[in-house]
């Protein structure tokens, strides 16, 4: 995930209730188990657990 810092990516995320969501995020920082990001989907800062990120895809352009 470190290589995505400053970039916009699309993630598939499994939340604490077991619900999958697709989100576009701008990665701000990464540590051992968390990603701090601005979620473009929710239009707010968010913290994502790395073990709950199921898939990552680079986004070339975000509309």
Protein backbone atom coordinates (compact mmCIF):
# COMPACT_ATOMS: atom_id res chain seq x y z
CA UNK A 1 0.00 0.00 0.00
CA UNK A 2 2.94 2.36 0.53
CA UNK A 3 3.34 2.80 -3.23
CA UNK A 4 -0.17 4.26 -3.41
CA UNK A 5 0.48 7.20 -1.03
CA UNK A 6 -0.80 10.38 -2.70
CA UNK A 7 -2.69 8.44 -5.36
CA UNK A 8 -6.35 7.68 -5.91
CA UNK A 9 -7.21 4.00 -5.81
CA UNK A 10 -10.36 1.92 -5.82
CA UNK A 11 -10.75 -0.58 -3.00
CA UNK A 12 -13.19 -3.30 -2.12
CA UNK A 13 -13.58 -3.11 1.65
CA UNK A 14 -15.21 -5.47 4.13
CA UNK A 15 -16.65 -3.42 6.98
CA UNK A 16 -17.11 -4.55 10.59
CA UNK A 17 -20.70 -5.63 9.83
CA UNK A 18 -19.54 -7.96 7.05
CA UNK A 19 -20.73 -5.70 4.22
CA UNK A 20 -18.58 -5.22 1.13
CA UNK A 21 -18.27 -1.71 -0.27
CA UNK A 22 -16.43 -0.26 -3.26
CA UNK A 23 -14.70 3.02 -2.49
CA UNK A 24 -12.44 5.50 -4.23
CA UNK A 25 -9.83 6.80 -1.81
CA UNK A 26 -6.78 9.07 -1.86
CA UNK A 27 -4.16 7.40 0.31
CA UNK A 28 -2.60 9.83 2.80
CA UNK A 29 -0.50 7.47 4.95
CA UNK A 30 0.04 3.79 5.67
CA UNK A 31 1.25 2.03 8.80
CA UNK A 32 1.49 -1.64 9.78
CA UNK A 33 -2.25 -2.26 9.91
CA UNK A 34 -4.10 0.92 8.89
CA UNK A 35 -4.49 3.16 5.85
CA UNK A 36 -5.40 6.79 6.46
CA UNK A 37 -7.14 8.22 3.42
CA UNK A 38 -9.61 10.73 2.11
CA UNK A 39 -12.62 8.76 0.90
CA UNK A 40 -13.94 10.36 -2.27
CA UNK A 41 -17.04 8.16 -2.04
CA UNK A 42 -17.99 9.44 1.44
CA UNK A 43 -16.34 12.85 0.93
CA UNK A 44 -14.61 12.57 4.31
CA UNK A 45 -11.37 11.36 5.90
CA UNK A 46 -11.41 7.68 6.81
CA UNK A 47 -9.16 5.04 8.35
CA UNK A 48 -9.23 1.57 6.78
CA UNK A 49 -7.89 -1.63 8.31
CA UNK A 50 -5.50 -3.27 5.86
CA UNK A 51 -6.77 -6.76 6.72
CA UNK A 52 -10.26 -5.70 5.57
CA UNK A 53 -9.15 -4.37 2.18
CA UNK A 54 -10.03 -7.22 -0.15
CA UNK A 55 -8.89 -5.72 -3.48
CA UNK A 56 -6.98 -2.68 -4.75
CA UNK A 57 -6.95 -1.17 -8.23
CA UNK A 58 -5.21 1.96 -9.44
CA UNK A 59 -7.52 4.65 -10.83
CA UNK A 60 -6.21 6.53 -13.85
CA UNK A 61 -8.79 9.30 -13.61
CA UNK A 62 -11.45 10.05 -11.07
CA UNK A 63 -14.49 11.98 -12.28
